Amino acid sequence: MHLIMKSQFDDLRLNEAHEYSADDKGGKKVVKIFKDGQLIAKKIVVKRSIQYFGVTGIEDFFTH
């Protein structure tokens, strides 16, 4: 996985063809986005740090 932009993550999250789940454990929040059961992106929030990650080839899943 590599870093992606927030706008790219939001595009994936708002796509109705994708599923997502959210976990909050301690001070760490994780949102994962799946396509056909495969993890394609995730957002990690720790305190004030937010990072967005996507799999290689993530461009194929964007709605243009």
PDB file of N, CA and C in Angstrom:
ATOM      1  N   MET A   1       0.836  -1.182   0.000  1.00  0.00           N
ATOM      2  CA  MET A   1       0.000   0.000   0.000  1.00  0.00           C
ATOM      3  C   MET A   1       0.882   1.246   0.000  1.00  0.00           C
ATOM      4  N   HIS A   2       0.367   2.294  -0.598  1.00  0.00           N
ATOM      5  CA  HIS A   2       1.098   3.555  -0.645  1.00  0.00           C
ATOM      6  C   HIS A   2       0.146   4.698  -0.289  1.00  0.00           C
ATOM      7  N   LEU A   3       0.707   5.842   0.016  1.00  0.00           N
ATOM      8  CA  LEU A   3      -0.092   7.005   0.403  1.00  0.00           C
ATOM      9  C   LEU A   3      -0.932   7.516  -0.770  1.00  0.00           C
ATOM     10  N   ILE A   4      -2.165   7.907  -0.458  1.00  0.00           N
ATOM     11  CA  ILE A   4      -3.031   8.532  -1.447  1.00  0.00           C
ATOM     12  C   ILE A   4      -3.596   9.815  -0.833  1.00  0.00           C
ATOM     13  N   MET A   5      -4.239  10.631  -1.660  1.00  0.00           N
ATOM     14  CA  MET A   5      -4.812  11.890  -1.172  1.00  0.00           C
ATOM     15  C   MET A   5      -6.186  11.665  -0.545  1.00  0.00           C
ATOM     16  N   LYS A   6      -6.606  12.599   0.304  1.00  0.00           N
ATOM     17  CA  LYS A   6      -7.908  12.526   0.958  1.00  0.00           C
ATOM     18  C   LYS A   6      -9.034  12.495  -0.071  1.00  0.00           C
ATOM     19  N   SER A   7      -8.932  13.292  -1.111  1.00  0.00           N
ATOM     20  CA  SER A   7      -9.978  13.337  -2.132  1.00  0.00           C
ATOM     21  C   SER A   7     -10.120  11.989  -2.839  1.00  0.00           C
ATOM     22  N   GLN A   8      -9.008  11.298  -3.044  1.00  0.00           N
ATOM     23  CA  GLN A   8      -9.057   9.974  -3.652  1.00  0.00           C
ATOM     24  C   GLN A   8      -9.745   8.980  -2.720  1.00  0.00           C
ATOM     25  N   PHE A   9      -9.428   9.055  -1.425  1.00  0.00           N
ATOM     26  CA  PHE A   9     -10.051   8.168  -0.448  1.00  0.00           C
ATOM     27  C   PHE A   9     -11.553   8.423  -0.385  1.00  0.00           C
ATOM     28  N   ASP A  10     -11.954   9.703  -0.363  1.00  0.00           N
ATOM     29  CA  ASP A  10     -13.372  10.052  -0.318  1.00  0.00           C
ATOM     30  C   ASP A  10     -14.105   9.559  -1.561  1.00  0.00           C
ATOM     31  N   ASP A  11     -13.470   9.626  -2.721  1.00  0.00           N
ATOM     32  CA  ASP A  11     -14.064   9.126  -3.955  1.00  0.00           C
ATOM     33  C   ASP A  11     -14.368   7.629  -3.826  1.00  0.00           C
ATOM     34  N   LEU A  12     -13.442   6.885  -3.245  1.00  0.00           N
ATOM     35  CA  LEU A  12     -13.641   5.445  -3.059  1.00  0.00           C
ATOM     36  C   LEU A  12     -14.726   5.173  -2.021  1.00  0.00           C
ATOM     37  N   ARG A  13     -14.731   5.936  -0.936  1.00  0.00           N
ATOM     38  CA  ARG A  13     -15.681   5.714   0.156  1.00  0.00           C
ATOM     39  C   ARG A  13     -17.112   6.002  -0.278  1.00  0.00           C
ATOM     40  N   LEU A  14     -17.300   7.015  -1.109  1.00  0.00           N
ATOM     41  CA  LEU A  14     -18.643   7.406  -1.528  1.00  0.00           C
ATOM     42  C   LEU A  14     -19.194   6.558  -2.673  1.00  0.00           C
ATOM     43  N   ASN A  15     -18.369   5.726  -3.271  1.00  0.00           N
ATOM     44  CA  ASN A  15     -18.806   4.840  -4.346  1.00  0.00           C
ATOM     45  C   ASN A  15     -19.660   3.718  -3.757  1.00  0.00           C
ATOM     46  N   GLU A  16     -20.900   3.582  -4.218  1.00  0.00           N
ATOM     47  CA  GLU A  16     -21.810   2.590  -3.658  1.00  0.00           C
ATOM     48  C   GLU A  16     -21.411   1.156  -3.986  1.00  0.00           C
ATOM     49  N   ALA A  17     -20.512   0.956  -4.939  1.00  0.00           N
ATOM     50  CA  ALA A  17     -20.047  -0.392  -5.285  1.00  0.00           C
ATOM     51  C   ALA A  17     -19.032  -0.908  -4.267  1.00  0.00           C
ATOM     52  N   HIS A  18     -18.557  -0.025  -3.382  1.00  0.00           N
ATOM     53  CA  HIS A  18     -17.550  -0.408  -2.394  1.00  0.00           C
ATOM     54  C   HIS A  18     -18.179  -0.508  -1.011  1.00  0.00           C
ATOM     55  N   GLU A  19     -17.627  -1.404  -0.201  1.00  0.00           N
ATOM     56  CA  GLU A  19     -18.057  -1.547   1.185  1.00  0.00           C
ATOM     57  C   GLU A  19     -16.976  -0.955   2.072  1.00  0.00           C
ATOM     58  N   TYR A  20     -17.355  -0.505   3.261  1.00  0.00           N
ATOM     59  CA  TYR A  20     -16.331  -0.030   4.177  1.00  0.00           C
ATOM     60  C   TYR A  20     -16.678  -0.390   5.602  1.00  0.00           C
ATOM     61  N   SER A  21     -15.639  -0.472   6.437  1.00  0.00           N
ATOM     62  CA  SER A  21     -15.828  -0.763   7.858  1.00  0.00           C
ATOM     63  C   SER A  21     -14.959   0.201   8.656  1.00  0.00           C
ATOM     64  N   ALA A  22     -15.388   0.479   9.884  1.00  0.00           N
ATOM     65  CA  ALA A  22     -14.654   1.399  10.755  1.00  0.00           C
ATOM     66  C   ALA A  22     -14.410   0.737  12.099  1.00  0.00           C
ATOM     67  N   ASP A  23     -13.198   0.886  12.619  1.00  0.00           N
ATOM     68  CA  ASP A  23     -12.818   0.361  13.928  1.00  0.00           C
ATOM     69  C   ASP A  23     -12.216   1.477  14.750  1.00  0.00           C
ATOM     70  N   ASP A  24     -12.500   1.476  16.042  1.00  0.00           N
ATOM     71  CA  ASP A  24     -11.934   2.462  16.960  1.00  0.00           C
ATOM     72  C   ASP A  24     -11.400   1.706  18.162  1.00  0.00           C
ATOM     73  N   LYS A  25     -10.091   1.557  18.206  1.00  0.00           N
ATOM     74  CA  LYS A  25      -9.455   0.828  19.304  1.00  0.00           C
ATOM     75  C   LYS A  25      -8.477   1.757  20.009  1.00  0.00           C
ATOM     76  N   GLY A  26      -8.799   2.107  21.228  1.00  0.00           N
ATOM     77  CA  GLY A  26      -7.942   3.027  21.962  1.00  0.00           C
ATOM     78  C   GLY A  26      -7.949   4.378  21.297  1.00  0.00           C
ATOM     79  N   GLY A  27      -6.790   4.901  20.970  1.00  0.00           N
ATOM     80  CA  GLY A  27      -6.683   6.195  20.318  1.00  0.00           C
ATOM     81  C   GLY A  27      -6.505   6.079  18.826  1.00  0.00           C
ATOM     82  N   LYS A  28      -6.637   4.864  18.266  1.00  0.00           N
ATOM     83  CA  LYS A  28      -6.401   4.644  16.840  1.00  0.00           C
ATOM     84  C   LYS A  28      -7.713   4.294  16.141  1.00  0.00           C
ATOM     85  N   LYS A  29      -8.046   5.059  15.104  1.00  0.00           N
ATOM     86  CA  LYS A  29      -9.243   4.797  14.318  1.00  0.00           C
ATOM     87  C   LYS A  29      -8.827   4.358  12.924  1.00  0.00           C
ATOM     88  N   VAL A  30      -9.460   3.314  12.429  1.00  0.00           N
ATOM     89  CA  VAL A  30      -9.136   2.788  11.105  1.00  0.00           C
ATOM     90  C   VAL A  30     -10.417   2.608  10.307  1.00  0.00           C
ATOM     91  N   VAL A  31     -10.439   3.144   9.090  1.00  0.00           N
ATOM     92  CA  VAL A  31     -11.544   2.942   8.162  1.00  0.00           C
ATOM     93  C   VAL A  31     -10.975   2.188   6.969  1.00  0.00           C
ATOM     94  N   LYS A  32     -11.573   1.040   6.644  1.00  0.00           N
ATOM     95  CA  LYS A  32     -11.099   0.217   5.533  1.00  0.00           C
ATOM     96  C   LYS A  32     -12.164   0.164   4.453  1.00  0.00           C
ATOM     97  N   ILE A  33     -11.731   0.230   3.194  1.00  0.00           N
ATOM     98  CA  ILE A  33     -12.631   0.158   2.049  1.00  0.00           C
ATOM     99  C   ILE A  33     -12.330  -1.128   1.279  1.00  0.00           C
ATOM    100  N   PHE A  34     -13.399  -1.857   0.949  1.00  0.00           N
ATOM    101  CA  PHE A  34     -13.264  -3.131   0.266  1.00  0.00           C
ATOM    102  C   PHE A  34     -14.002  -3.115  -1.065  1.00  0.00           C
ATOM    103  N   LYS A  35     -13.472  -3.831  -2.034  1.00  0.00           N
ATOM    104  CA  LYS A  35     -14.127  -4.058  -3.327  1.00  0.00           C
ATOM    105  C   LYS A  35     -14.108  -5.559  -3.560  1.00  0.00           C
ATOM    106  N   ASP A  36     -15.273  -6.178  -3.616  1.00  0.00           N
ATOM    107  CA  ASP A  36     -15.399  -7.625  -3.791  1.00  0.00           C
ATOM    108  C   ASP A  36     -14.607  -8.402  -2.745  1.00  0.00           C
ATOM    109  N   GLY A  37     -14.628  -7.918  -1.500  1.00  0.00           N
ATOM    110  CA  GLY A  37     -13.948  -8.602  -0.405  1.00  0.00           C
ATOM    111  C   GLY A  37     -12.460  -8.325  -0.293  1.00  0.00           C
ATOM    112  N   GLN A  38     -11.899  -7.584  -1.225  1.00  0.00           N
ATOM    113  CA  GLN A  38     -10.472  -7.256  -1.210  1.00  0.00           C
ATOM    114  C   GLN A  38     -10.283  -5.858  -0.635  1.00  0.00           C
ATOM    115  N   LEU A  39      -9.323  -5.711   0.272  1.00  0.00           N
ATOM    116  CA  LEU A  39      -8.988  -4.401   0.826  1.00  0.00           C
ATOM    117  C   LEU A  39      -8.323  -3.557  -0.250  1.00  0.00           C
ATOM    118  N   ILE A  40      -8.898  -2.368  -0.531  1.00  0.00           N
ATOM    119  CA  ILE A  40      -8.301  -1.508  -1.557  1.00  0.00           C
ATOM    120  C   ILE A  40      -7.767  -0.204  -0.983  1.00  0.00           C
ATOM    121  N   ALA A  41      -8.276   0.218   0.190  1.00  0.00           N
ATOM    122  CA  ALA A  41      -7.801   1.475   0.782  1.00  0.00           C
ATOM    123  C   ALA A  41      -8.107   1.491   2.270  1.00  0.00           C
ATOM    124  N   LYS A  42      -7.328   2.301   3.002  1.00  0.00           N
ATOM    125  CA  LYS A  42      -7.616   2.477   4.425  1.00  0.00           C
ATOM    126  C   LYS A  42      -7.166   3.850   4.885  1.00  0.00           C
ATOM    127  N   LYS A  43      -7.829   4.308   5.947  1.00  0.00           N
ATOM    128  CA  LYS A  43      -7.535   5.603   6.566  1.00  0.00           C
ATOM    129  C   LYS A  43      -7.179   5.309   8.015  1.00  0.00           C
ATOM    130  N   ILE A  44      -6.064   5.849   8.478  1.00  0.00           N
ATOM    131  CA  ILE A  44      -5.623   5.648   9.855  1.00  0.00           C
ATOM    132  C   ILE A  44      -5.538   7.000  10.541  1.00  0.00           C
ATOM    133  N   VAL A  45      -6.223   7.118  11.692  1.00  0.00           N
ATOM    134  CA  VAL A  45      -6.212   8.354  12.469  1.00  0.00           C
ATOM    135  C   VAL A  45      -5.639   8.031  13.842  1.00  0.00           C
ATOM    136  N   VAL A  46      -4.525   8.676  14.179  1.00  0.00           N
ATOM    137  CA  VAL A  46      -3.917   8.554  15.503  1.00  0.00           C
ATOM    138  C   VAL A  46      -3.700   9.972  16.003  1.00  0.00           C
ATOM    139  N   LYS A  47      -4.415  10.319  17.077  1.00  0.00           N
ATOM    140  CA  LYS A  47      -4.399  11.679  17.627  1.00  0.00           C
ATOM    141  C   LYS A  47      -4.733  12.678  16.529  1.00  0.00           C
ATOM    142  N   ARG A  48      -3.813  13.503  16.113  1.00  0.00           N
ATOM    143  CA  ARG A  48      -4.079  14.505  15.071  1.00  0.00           C
ATOM    144  C   ARG A  48      -3.494  14.114  13.716  1.00  0.00           C
ATOM    145  N   SER A  49      -2.925  12.937  13.628  1.00  0.00           N
ATOM    146  CA  SER A  49      -2.322  12.470  12.382  1.00  0.00           C
ATOM    147  C   SER A  49      -3.329  11.638  11.592  1.00  0.00           C
ATOM    148  N   ILE A  50      -3.521  11.975  10.318  1.00  0.00           N
ATOM    149  CA  ILE A  50      -4.412  11.218   9.439  1.00  0.00           C
ATOM    150  C   ILE A  50      -3.615  10.807   8.208  1.00  0.00           C
ATOM    151  N   GLN A  51      -3.651   9.510   7.909  1.00  0.00           N
ATOM    152  CA  GLN A  51      -2.951   8.999   6.731  1.00  0.00           C
ATOM    153  C   GLN A  51      -3.918   8.158   5.913  1.00  0.00           C
ATOM    154  N   TYR A  52      -3.817   8.276   4.582  1.00  0.00           N
ATOM    155  CA  TYR A  52      -4.666   7.544   3.656  1.00  0.00           C
ATOM    156  C   TYR A  52      -3.763   6.644   2.816  1.00  0.00           C
ATOM    157  N   PHE A  53      -4.150   5.376   2.689  1.00  0.00           N
ATOM    158  CA  PHE A  53      -3.358   4.406   1.941  1.00  0.00           C
ATOM    159  C   PHE A  53      -4.231   3.722   0.903  1.00  0.00           C
ATOM    160  N   GLY A  54      -3.636   3.378  -0.232  1.00  0.00           N
ATOM    161  CA  GLY A  54      -4.332   2.635  -1.276  1.00  0.00           C
ATOM    162  C   GLY A  54      -3.424   1.575  -1.858  1.00  0.00           C
ATOM    163  N   VAL A  55      -4.022   0.534  -2.425  1.00  0.00           N
ATOM    164  CA  VAL A  55      -3.244  -0.532  -3.034  1.00  0.00           C
ATOM    165  C   VAL A  55      -2.658  -0.044  -4.357  1.00  0.00           C
ATOM    166  N   THR A  56      -1.677  -0.752  -4.848  1.00  0.00           N
ATOM    167  CA  THR A  56      -1.107  -0.448  -6.151  1.00  0.00           C
ATOM    168  C   THR A  56      -2.177  -0.685  -7.212  1.00  0.00           C
ATOM    169  N   GLY A  57      -2.350   0.242  -8.120  1.00  0.00           N
ATOM    170  CA  GLY A  57      -3.393   0.137  -9.135  1.00  0.00           C
ATOM    171  C   GLY A  57      -4.731   0.694  -8.676  1.00  0.00           C
ATOM    172  N   ILE A  58      -4.724   1.505  -7.637  1.00  0.00           N
ATOM    173  CA  ILE A  58      -5.956   2.065  -7.060  1.00  0.00           C
ATOM    174  C   ILE A  58      -6.711   2.922  -8.084  1.00  0.00           C
ATOM    175  N   GLU A  59      -6.024   3.438  -9.072  1.00  0.00           N
ATOM    176  CA  GLU A  59      -6.635   4.313 -10.065  1.00  0.00           C
ATOM    177  C   GLU A  59      -7.786   3.632 -10.791  1.00  0.00           C
ATOM    178  N   ASP A  60      -7.771   2.304 -10.877  1.00  0.00           N
ATOM    179  CA  ASP A  60      -8.817   1.555 -11.560  1.00  0.00           C
ATOM    180  C   ASP A  60     -10.154   1.610 -10.829  1.00  0.00           C
ATOM    181  N   PHE A  61     -10.150   1.953  -9.538  1.00  0.00           N
ATOM    182  CA  PHE A  61     -11.357   1.947  -8.727  1.00  0.00           C
ATOM    183  C   PHE A  61     -12.008   3.322  -8.585  1.00  0.00           C
ATOM    184  N   PHE A  62     -11.379   4.375  -9.109  1.00  0.00           N
ATOM    185  CA  PHE A  62     -11.944   5.717  -8.979  1.00  0.00           C
ATOM    186  C   PHE A  62     -13.119   5.900  -9.933  1.00  0.00           C
ATOM    187  N   THR A  63     -14.092   6.726  -9.508  1.00  0.00           N
ATOM    188  CA  THR A  63     -15.184   7.114 -10.403  1.00  0.00           C
ATOM    189  C   THR A  63     -14.790   8.451 -11.016  1.00  0.00           C
ATOM    190  N   HIS A  64     -14.730   8.527 -12.307  1.00  0.00           N
ATOM    191  CA  HIS A  64     -14.258   9.750 -12.963  1.00  0.00           C
ATOM    192  C   HIS A  64     -15.388  10.552 -13.486  1.00  0.00           C
TER     193      HIS A  64
END
